[in-house]
Amino acid sequence: MITDPESPDEQPQEYDEPIIAANLEEAERICRAKAQQDGTKLVRVKQPSRIKPGTNQQYRCIFESNPIE
């Protein structure tokens, strides 16, 4: 199926999901696993605004959903 680049309904949509992780590496691993499980594409992992070493913090997985078929 060919997607129409001008149709917003057929474009991939970005969404985010919060996760708890001890550091960026762990957050990336969790986000990659979630993307694979859900069949989506991981775009990036957003770090907390202030990083506190040694504590679990909230990171955000930014995913790209598949366009509507």
PDB file of N, CA and C in Angstrom:
ATOM      1  N   MET A   1       0.843  -1.184   0.000  1.00  0.00           N
ATOM      2  CA  MET A   1       0.000   0.000   0.000  1.00  0.00           C
ATOM      3  C   MET A   1       0.885   1.242   0.000  1.00  0.00           C
ATOM      4  N   ILE A   2       0.526   2.194  -0.804  1.00  0.00           N
ATOM      5  CA  ILE A   2       1.258   3.456  -0.889  1.00  0.00           C
ATOM      6  C   ILE A   2       0.568   4.462   0.025  1.00  0.00           C
ATOM      7  N   THR A   3       1.363   5.171   0.828  1.00  0.00           N
ATOM      8  CA  THR A   3       0.786   6.182   1.711  1.00  0.00           C
ATOM      9  C   THR A   3       0.830   7.543   1.029  1.00  0.00           C
ATOM     10  N   ASP A   4      -0.196   8.313   1.277  1.00  0.00           N
ATOM     11  CA  ASP A   4      -0.294   9.658   0.734  1.00  0.00           C
ATOM     12  C   ASP A   4       0.465  10.606   1.656  1.00  0.00           C
ATOM     13  N   PRO A   5       1.561  11.224   1.175  1.00  0.00           N
ATOM     14  CA  PRO A   5       2.348  12.093   2.053  1.00  0.00           C
ATOM     15  C   PRO A   5       1.605  13.334   2.530  1.00  0.00           C
ATOM     16  N   GLU A   6       0.509  13.685   1.868  1.00  0.00           N
ATOM     17  CA  GLU A   6      -0.248  14.871   2.262  1.00  0.00           C
ATOM     18  C   GLU A   6      -1.414  14.548   3.184  1.00  0.00           C
ATOM     19  N   SER A   7      -1.691  13.278   3.402  1.00  0.00           N
ATOM     20  CA  SER A   7      -2.805  12.891   4.258  1.00  0.00           C
ATOM     21  C   SER A   7      -2.312  12.667   5.685  1.00  0.00           C
ATOM     22  N   PRO A   8      -2.783  13.472   6.644  1.00  0.00           N
ATOM     23  CA  PRO A   8      -2.321  13.298   8.031  1.00  0.00           C
ATOM     24  C   PRO A   8      -2.742  11.950   8.626  1.00  0.00           C
ATOM     25  N   ASP A   9      -3.830  11.352   8.118  1.00  0.00           N
ATOM     26  CA  ASP A   9      -4.288  10.062   8.634  1.00  0.00           C
ATOM     27  C   ASP A   9      -3.348   8.924   8.270  1.00  0.00           C
ATOM     28  N   GLU A  10      -2.543   9.094   7.233  1.00  0.00           N
ATOM     29  CA  GLU A  10      -1.664   8.037   6.761  1.00  0.00           C
ATOM     30  C   GLU A  10      -0.215   8.240   7.189  1.00  0.00           C
ATOM     31  N   GLN A  11       0.043   9.266   7.972  1.00  0.00           N
ATOM     32  CA  GLN A  11       1.404   9.541   8.422  1.00  0.00           C
ATOM     33  C   GLN A  11       1.659   8.887   9.777  1.00  0.00           C
ATOM     34  N   PRO A  12       2.884   8.441   9.997  1.00  0.00           N
ATOM     35  CA  PRO A  12       3.201   7.896  11.328  1.00  0.00           C
ATOM     36  C   PRO A  12       3.017   8.973  12.398  1.00  0.00           C
ATOM     37  N   GLN A  13       2.504   8.564  13.537  1.00  0.00           N
ATOM     38  CA  GLN A  13       2.286   9.489  14.642  1.00  0.00           C
ATOM     39  C   GLN A  13       3.269   9.174  15.757  1.00  0.00           C
ATOM     40  N   GLU A  14       3.811  10.209  16.368  1.00  0.00           N
ATOM     41  CA  GLU A  14       4.707  10.013  17.508  1.00  0.00           C
ATOM     42  C   GLU A  14       3.897  10.055  18.796  1.00  0.00           C
ATOM     43  N   TYR A  15       4.278   9.194  19.716  1.00  0.00           N
ATOM     44  CA  TYR A  15       3.679   9.209  21.051  1.00  0.00           C
ATOM     45  C   TYR A  15       4.760   8.810  22.039  1.00  0.00           C
ATOM     46  N   ASP A  16       4.544   9.150  23.286  1.00  0.00           N
ATOM     47  CA  ASP A  16       5.557   8.816  24.294  1.00  0.00           C
ATOM     48  C   ASP A  16       4.941   7.996  25.415  1.00  0.00           C
ATOM     49  N   GLU A  17       5.815   7.299  26.122  1.00  0.00           N
ATOM     50  CA  GLU A  17       5.400   6.462  27.241  1.00  0.00           C
ATOM     51  C   GLU A  17       6.446   6.598  28.337  1.00  0.00           C
ATOM     52  N   PRO A  18       6.018   6.920  29.555  1.00  0.00           N
ATOM     53  CA  PRO A  18       6.980   7.053  30.648  1.00  0.00           C
ATOM     54  C   PRO A  18       7.436   5.684  31.161  1.00  0.00           C
ATOM     55  N   ILE A  19       8.693   5.605  31.546  1.00  0.00           N
ATOM     56  CA  ILE A  19       9.243   4.404  32.173  1.00  0.00           C
ATOM     57  C   ILE A  19      10.135   4.840  33.330  1.00  0.00           C
ATOM     58  N   ILE A  20      10.443   3.916  34.205  1.00  0.00           N
ATOM     59  CA  ILE A  20      11.349   4.189  35.317  1.00  0.00           C
ATOM     60  C   ILE A  20      12.628   3.401  35.075  1.00  0.00           C
ATOM     61  N   ALA A  21      13.764   4.076  35.148  1.00  0.00           N
ATOM     62  CA  ALA A  21      15.054   3.423  34.931  1.00  0.00           C
ATOM     63  C   ALA A  21      16.115   4.113  35.776  1.00  0.00           C
ATOM     64  N   ALA A  22      17.214   3.386  36.010  1.00  0.00           N
ATOM     65  CA  ALA A  22      18.309   3.917  36.822  1.00  0.00           C
ATOM     66  C   ALA A  22      19.233   4.828  36.024  1.00  0.00           C
ATOM     67  N   ASN A  23      19.319   4.593  34.703  1.00  0.00           N
ATOM     68  CA  ASN A  23      20.208   5.411  33.866  1.00  0.00           C
ATOM     69  C   ASN A  23      19.750   5.344  32.416  1.00  0.00           C
ATOM     70  N   LEU A  24      20.401   6.106  31.561  1.00  0.00           N
ATOM     71  CA  LEU A  24      20.000   6.186  30.159  1.00  0.00           C
ATOM     72  C   LEU A  24      20.132   4.847  29.447  1.00  0.00           C
ATOM     73  N   GLU A  25      21.199   4.098  29.733  1.00  0.00           N
ATOM     74  CA  GLU A  25      21.396   2.808  29.070  1.00  0.00           C
ATOM     75  C   GLU A  25      20.254   1.845  29.388  1.00  0.00           C
ATOM     76  N   GLU A  26      19.854   1.794  30.660  1.00  0.00           N
ATOM     77  CA  GLU A  26      18.742   0.926  31.043  1.00  0.00           C
ATOM     78  C   GLU A  26      17.442   1.397  30.389  1.00  0.00           C
ATOM     79  N   ALA A  27      17.237   2.707  30.332  1.00  0.00           N
ATOM     80  CA  ALA A  27      16.031   3.260  29.712  1.00  0.00           C
ATOM     81  C   ALA A  27      15.972   2.890  28.232  1.00  0.00           C
ATOM     82  N   GLU A  28      17.103   2.997  27.537  1.00  0.00           N
ATOM     83  CA  GLU A  28      17.135   2.644  26.115  1.00  0.00           C
ATOM     84  C   GLU A  28      16.820   1.166  25.909  1.00  0.00           C
ATOM     85  N   ARG A  29      17.355   0.302  26.779  1.00  0.00           N
ATOM     86  CA  ARG A  29      17.101  -1.132  26.681  1.00  0.00           C
ATOM     87  C   ARG A  29      15.611  -1.436  26.882  1.00  0.00           C
ATOM     88  N   ILE A  30      15.006  -0.809  27.878  1.00  0.00           N
ATOM     89  CA  ILE A  30      13.581  -1.006  28.150  1.00  0.00           C
ATOM     90  C   ILE A  30      12.742  -0.499  26.981  1.00  0.00           C
ATOM     91  N   CYS A  31      13.093   0.670  26.461  1.00  0.00           N
ATOM     92  CA  CYS A  31      12.329   1.256  25.349  1.00  0.00           C
ATOM     93  C   CYS A  31      12.426   0.401  24.089  1.00  0.00           C
ATOM     94  N   ARG A  32      13.625  -0.117  23.806  1.00  0.00           N
ATOM     95  CA  ARG A  32      13.783  -0.991  22.633  1.00  0.00           C
ATOM     96  C   ARG A  32      12.931  -2.249  22.777  1.00  0.00           C
ATOM     97  N   ALA A  33      12.901  -2.813  23.970  1.00  0.00           N
ATOM     98  CA  ALA A  33      12.092  -4.017  24.218  1.00  0.00           C
ATOM     99  C   ALA A  33      10.608  -3.712  24.032  1.00  0.00           C
ATOM    100  N   LYS A  34      10.155  -2.563  24.532  1.00  0.00           N
ATOM    101  CA  LYS A  34       8.749  -2.180  24.371  1.00  0.00           C
ATOM    102  C   LYS A  34       8.404  -1.965  22.902  1.00  0.00           C
ATOM    103  N   ALA A  35       9.301  -1.337  22.158  1.00  0.00           N
ATOM    104  CA  ALA A  35       9.058  -1.099  20.733  1.00  0.00           C
ATOM    105  C   ALA A  35       8.935  -2.419  19.982  1.00  0.00           C
ATOM    106  N   GLN A  36       9.810  -3.351  20.283  1.00  0.00           N
ATOM    107  CA  GLN A  36       9.767  -4.644  19.618  1.00  0.00           C
ATOM    108  C   GLN A  36       8.480  -5.389  19.985  1.00  0.00           C
ATOM    109  N   GLN A  37       8.108  -5.339  21.239  1.00  0.00           N
ATOM    110  CA  GLN A  37       6.901  -6.017  21.706  1.00  0.00           C
ATOM    111  C   GLN A  37       5.648  -5.429  21.057  1.00  0.00           C
ATOM    112  N   ASP A  38       5.603  -4.107  20.919  1.00  0.00           N
ATOM    113  CA  ASP A  38       4.415  -3.430  20.382  1.00  0.00           C
ATOM    114  C   ASP A  38       4.428  -3.291  18.865  1.00  0.00           C
ATOM    115  N   GLY A  39       5.545  -3.619  18.223  1.00  0.00           N
ATOM    116  CA  GLY A  39       5.637  -3.489  16.766  1.00  0.00           C
ATOM    117  C   GLY A  39       5.727  -2.049  16.303  1.00  0.00           C
ATOM    118  N   THR A  40       6.344  -1.205  17.124  1.00  0.00           N
ATOM    119  CA  THR A  40       6.514   0.202  16.767  1.00  0.00           C
ATOM    120  C   THR A  40       7.994   0.502  16.593  1.00  0.00           C
ATOM    121  N   LYS A  41       8.298   1.742  16.257  1.00  0.00           N
ATOM    122  CA  LYS A  41       9.684   2.161  16.057  1.00  0.00           C
ATOM    123  C   LYS A  41      10.080   3.128  17.170  1.00  0.00           C
ATOM    124  N   LEU A  42      11.209   2.851  17.818  1.00  0.00           N
ATOM    125  CA  LEU A  42      11.718   3.764  18.842  1.00  0.00           C
ATOM    126  C   LEU A  42      12.427   4.923  18.146  1.00  0.00           C
ATOM    127  N   VAL A  43      11.985   6.140  18.424  1.00  0.00           N
ATOM    128  CA  VAL A  43      12.587   7.329  17.817  1.00  0.00           C
ATOM    129  C   VAL A  43      13.731   7.837  18.693  1.00  0.00           C
ATOM    130  N   ARG A  44      13.460   7.984  19.998  1.00  0.00           N
ATOM    131  CA  ARG A  44      14.492   8.448  20.932  1.00  0.00           C
ATOM    132  C   ARG A  44      14.018   8.222  22.356  1.00  0.00           C
ATOM    133  N   VAL A  45      14.944   8.402  23.283  1.00  0.00           N
ATOM    134  CA  VAL A  45      14.632   8.323  24.707  1.00  0.00           C
ATOM    135  C   VAL A  45      14.910   9.695  25.300  1.00  0.00           C
ATOM    136  N   LYS A  46      13.910  10.261  25.952  1.00  0.00           N
ATOM    137  CA  LYS A  46      14.053  11.585  26.559  1.00  0.00           C
ATOM    138  C   LYS A  46      14.462  11.418  28.019  1.00  0.00           C
ATOM    139  N   GLN A  47      15.546  12.070  28.392  1.00  0.00           N
ATOM    140  CA  GLN A  47      16.059  12.002  29.759  1.00  0.00           C
ATOM    141  C   GLN A  47      15.310  12.973  30.664  1.00  0.00           C
ATOM    142  N   PRO A  48      15.364  12.730  31.967  1.00  0.00           N
ATOM    143  CA  PRO A  48      14.785  13.698  32.899  1.00  0.00           C
ATOM    144  C   PRO A  48      15.549  15.026  32.814  1.00  0.00           C
ATOM    145  N   SER A  49      14.906  16.097  33.205  1.00  0.00           N
ATOM    146  CA  SER A  49      15.569  17.402  33.121  1.00  0.00           C
ATOM    147  C   SER A  49      16.762  17.494  34.071  1.00  0.00           C
ATOM    148  N   ARG A  50      16.659  16.844  35.224  1.00  0.00           N
ATOM    149  CA  ARG A  50      17.789  16.799  36.164  1.00  0.00           C
ATOM    150  C   ARG A  50      18.112  15.337  36.451  1.00  0.00           C
ATOM    151  N   ILE A  51      19.325  14.955  36.180  1.00  0.00           N
ATOM    152  CA  ILE A  51      19.734  13.578  36.410  1.00  0.00           C
ATOM    153  C   ILE A  51      20.311  13.467  37.817  1.00  0.00           C
ATOM    154  N   LYS A  52      19.759  12.534  38.586  1.00  0.00           N
ATOM    155  CA  LYS A  52      20.222  12.288  39.952  1.00  0.00           C
ATOM    156  C   LYS A  52      20.893  10.922  39.981  1.00  0.00           C
ATOM    157  N   PRO A  53      22.205  10.870  40.006  1.00  0.00           N
ATOM    158  CA  PRO A  53      22.902   9.581  40.002  1.00  0.00           C
ATOM    159  C   PRO A  53      22.503   8.708  41.192  1.00  0.00           C
ATOM    160  N   GLY A  54      22.369   7.398  40.902  1.00  0.00           N
ATOM    161  CA  GLY A  54      22.074   6.450  41.969  1.00  0.00           C
ATOM    162  C   GLY A  54      20.602   6.296  42.311  1.00  0.00           C
ATOM    163  N   THR A  55      19.718   6.988  41.602  1.00  0.00           N
ATOM    164  CA  THR A  55      18.288   6.855  41.873  1.00  0.00           C
ATOM    165  C   THR A  55      17.548   6.527  40.584  1.00  0.00           C
ATOM    166  N   ASN A  56      16.448   5.810  40.721  1.00  0.00           N
ATOM    167  CA  ASN A  56      15.595   5.562  39.559  1.00  0.00           C
ATOM    168  C   ASN A  56      14.830   6.831  39.242  1.00  0.00           C
ATOM    169  N   GLN A  57      14.729   7.121  37.946  1.00  0.00           N
ATOM    170  CA  GLN A  57      14.035   8.327  37.513  1.00  0.00           C
ATOM    171  C   GLN A  57      13.137   8.013  36.335  1.00  0.00           C
ATOM    172  N   GLN A  58      12.289   8.977  36.010  1.00  0.00           N
ATOM    173  CA  GLN A  58      11.364   8.795  34.900  1.00  0.00           C
ATOM    174  C   GLN A  58      12.016   9.259  33.593  1.00  0.00           C
ATOM    175  N   TYR A  59      12.076   8.352  32.643  1.00  0.00           N
ATOM    176  CA  TYR A  59      12.512   8.648  31.283  1.00  0.00           C
ATOM    177  C   TYR A  59      11.288   8.495  30.395  1.00  0.00           C
ATOM    178  N   ARG A  60      11.336   9.034  29.188  1.00  0.00           N
ATOM    179  CA  ARG A  60      10.205   8.910  28.273  1.00  0.00           C
ATOM    180  C   ARG A  60      10.678   8.275  26.973  1.00  0.00           C
ATOM    181  N   CYS A  61      10.009   7.189  26.592  1.00  0.00           N
ATOM    182  CA  CYS A  61      10.277   6.533  25.318  1.00  0.00           C
ATOM    183  C   CYS A  61       9.423   7.244  24.264  1.00  0.00           C
ATOM    184  N   ILE A  62      10.043   7.729  23.216  1.00  0.00           N
ATOM    185  CA  ILE A  62       9.315   8.361  22.122  1.00  0.00           C
ATOM    186  C   ILE A  62       9.230   7.340  20.985  1.00  0.00           C
ATOM    187  N   PHE A  63       7.993   6.940  20.655  1.00  0.00           N
ATOM    188  CA  PHE A  63       7.757   5.931  19.635  1.00  0.00           C
ATOM    189  C   PHE A  63       7.095   6.563  18.416  1.00  0.00           C
ATOM    190  N   GLU A  64       7.218   5.875  17.286  1.00  0.00           N
ATOM    191  CA  GLU A  64       6.529   6.259  16.072  1.00  0.00           C
ATOM    192  C   GLU A  64       5.591   5.113  15.722  1.00  0.00           C
ATOM    193  N   SER A  65       4.303   5.413  15.673  1.00  0.00           N
ATOM    194  CA  SER A  65       3.325   4.374  15.373  1.00  0.00           C
ATOM    195  C   SER A  65       3.264   4.147  13.870  1.00  0.00           C
ATOM    196  N   ASN A  66       2.729   3.007  13.502  1.00  0.00           N
ATOM    197  CA  ASN A  66       2.553   2.705  12.083  1.00  0.00           C
ATOM    198  C   ASN A  66       1.364   3.475  11.558  1.00  0.00           C
ATOM    199  N   PRO A  67       1.417   3.918  10.295  1.00  0.00           N
ATOM    200  CA  PRO A  67       0.271   4.625   9.746  1.00  0.00           C
ATOM    201  C   PRO A  67      -0.939   3.696   9.638  1.00  0.00           C
ATOM    202  N   ILE A  68      -2.103   4.276   9.614  1.00  0.00           N
ATOM    203  CA  ILE A  68      -3.342   3.507   9.489  1.00  0.00           C
ATOM    204  C   ILE A  68      -3.380   2.854   8.129  1.00  0.00           C
ATOM    205  N   GLU A  69      -3.663   1.574   8.123  1.00  0.00           N
ATOM    206  CA  GLU A  69      -3.713   0.851   6.846  1.00  0.00           C
ATOM    207  C   GLU A  69      -5.132   0.585   6.449  1.00  0.00           C
TER     208      GLU A  69
END
